[in-house]
Amino acid sequence: MNQSELVELAAIKAEMPKKEVDKVYRALRDCIIQAVAEREKVTLVDFGSFEARDRKAREGRNPKTGDKMQIPATKVPAFSAGKQFKEAVSGQ
């Protein structure tokens, strides 16, 4: 499912115009991105949590040449599924 399909389905379920649902989707997405970029954890009960995690520097290999290279430390976004989400996916 892509963004437009998600917006269309949400519009049907919420009985709202797609244009309004798309505005809400974009606002929520932007708020989550901004909060995580500022190192805040965003928790949506039963859905999951978004947060920034630190990735340590490490040694890797150049896939073309096979030469060793140093990969610097960085922050990466992470998502942890909530209980209801996990149960729905596992079929429980």
Protein backbone atom coordinates (compact mmCIF):
# COMPACT_ATOMS: atom_id res chain seq x y z
CA MET A 1 0.00 0.00 0.00
CA ASN A 2 1.35 3.40 -0.92
CA GLN A 3 0.53 6.86 0.47
CA SER A 4 -2.35 7.61 -1.90
CA GLU A 5 -3.95 4.21 -1.26
CA LEU A 6 -3.61 4.74 2.50
CA VAL A 7 -5.20 8.19 2.28
CA GLU A 8 -8.05 6.82 0.15
CA LEU A 9 -8.76 3.98 2.58
CA ALA A 10 -8.59 6.31 5.60
CA ALA A 11 -10.98 8.72 3.88
CA ILE A 12 -13.48 5.92 3.35
CA LYS A 13 -13.20 4.69 6.95
CA ALA A 14 -13.41 8.21 8.41
CA GLU A 15 -16.12 9.26 5.96
CA MET A 16 -14.12 12.39 5.10
CA PRO A 17 -12.93 13.92 1.82
CA LYS A 18 -9.59 12.57 0.60
CA LYS A 19 -8.21 16.11 0.43
CA GLU A 20 -8.81 16.64 4.17
CA VAL A 21 -7.41 13.23 5.12
CA ASP A 22 -4.30 13.96 3.02
CA LYS A 23 -3.79 17.25 4.92
CA VAL A 24 -4.04 15.43 8.24
CA TYR A 25 -1.70 12.67 7.08
CA ARG A 26 0.93 15.18 5.94
CA ALA A 27 0.64 17.18 9.19
CA LEU A 28 1.05 14.04 11.33
CA ARG A 29 3.98 12.84 9.24
CA ASP A 30 5.72 16.22 9.53
CA CYS A 31 5.12 16.38 13.29
CA ILE A 32 6.55 12.88 13.82
CA ILE A 33 9.61 13.63 11.67
CA GLN A 34 10.29 16.91 13.47
CA ALA A 35 9.91 15.38 16.93
CA VAL A 36 12.20 12.42 16.17
CA ALA A 37 14.77 14.74 14.56
CA GLU A 38 14.76 16.69 17.84
CA ARG A 39 15.43 13.42 19.73
CA GLU A 40 11.90 13.12 21.13
CA LYS A 41 10.16 9.77 21.29
CA VAL A 42 6.69 9.68 19.69
CA THR A 43 4.42 6.97 21.10
CA LEU A 44 1.09 6.08 19.52
CA VAL A 45 -0.60 3.67 21.94
CA ASP A 46 -1.19 0.18 20.46
CA PHE A 47 0.42 1.26 17.17
CA GLY A 48 4.06 1.83 18.07
CA SER A 49 6.86 4.24 18.89
CA PHE A 50 9.15 6.32 16.71
CA GLU A 51 12.54 7.44 18.05
CA ALA A 52 16.07 8.34 17.03
CA ARG A 53 18.77 5.82 17.84
CA ASP A 54 22.53 6.21 17.77
CA ARG A 55 24.45 3.98 15.40
CA LYS A 56 28.11 3.49 16.35
CA ALA A 57 30.99 4.04 13.97
CA ARG A 58 32.06 0.81 12.37
CA GLU A 59 34.28 -0.69 9.72
CA GLY A 60 32.64 -1.69 6.46
CA ARG A 61 33.66 -2.68 2.96
CA ASN A 62 33.27 -0.89 -0.33
CA PRO A 63 30.96 -3.19 -2.33
CA LYS A 64 32.70 -2.41 -5.64
CA THR A 65 36.33 -2.79 -4.59
CA GLY A 66 36.10 -4.79 -1.38
CA ASP A 67 38.39 -2.27 0.34
CA LYS A 68 37.89 -1.62 4.05
CA MET A 69 36.37 1.75 4.94
CA GLN A 70 35.33 3.55 8.10
CA ILE A 71 31.59 4.26 8.43
CA PRO A 72 31.00 7.20 10.80
CA ALA A 73 28.60 7.22 13.76
CA THR A 74 25.15 8.62 12.99
CA LYS A 75 21.57 8.93 14.21
CA VAL A 76 18.92 6.78 12.55
CA PRO A 77 15.12 6.73 12.88
CA ALA A 78 13.64 3.60 14.44
CA PHE A 79 10.13 2.21 14.84
CA SER A 80 8.98 -0.30 17.45
CA ALA A 81 5.58 -1.87 16.89
CA GLY A 82 3.04 -1.73 19.71
CA LYS A 83 1.22 -4.68 21.26
CA GLN A 84 -1.96 -4.42 19.16
CA PHE A 85 0.06 -4.03 15.95
CA LYS A 86 2.20 -7.08 16.76
CA GLU A 87 -0.85 -9.17 17.62
CA ALA A 88 -2.64 -8.19 14.39
CA VAL A 89 0.38 -9.14 12.28
CA SER A 90 0.98 -12.44 14.08
CA GLY A 91 -2.69 -13.41 13.75
CA GLN A 92 -3.46 -13.59 17.47
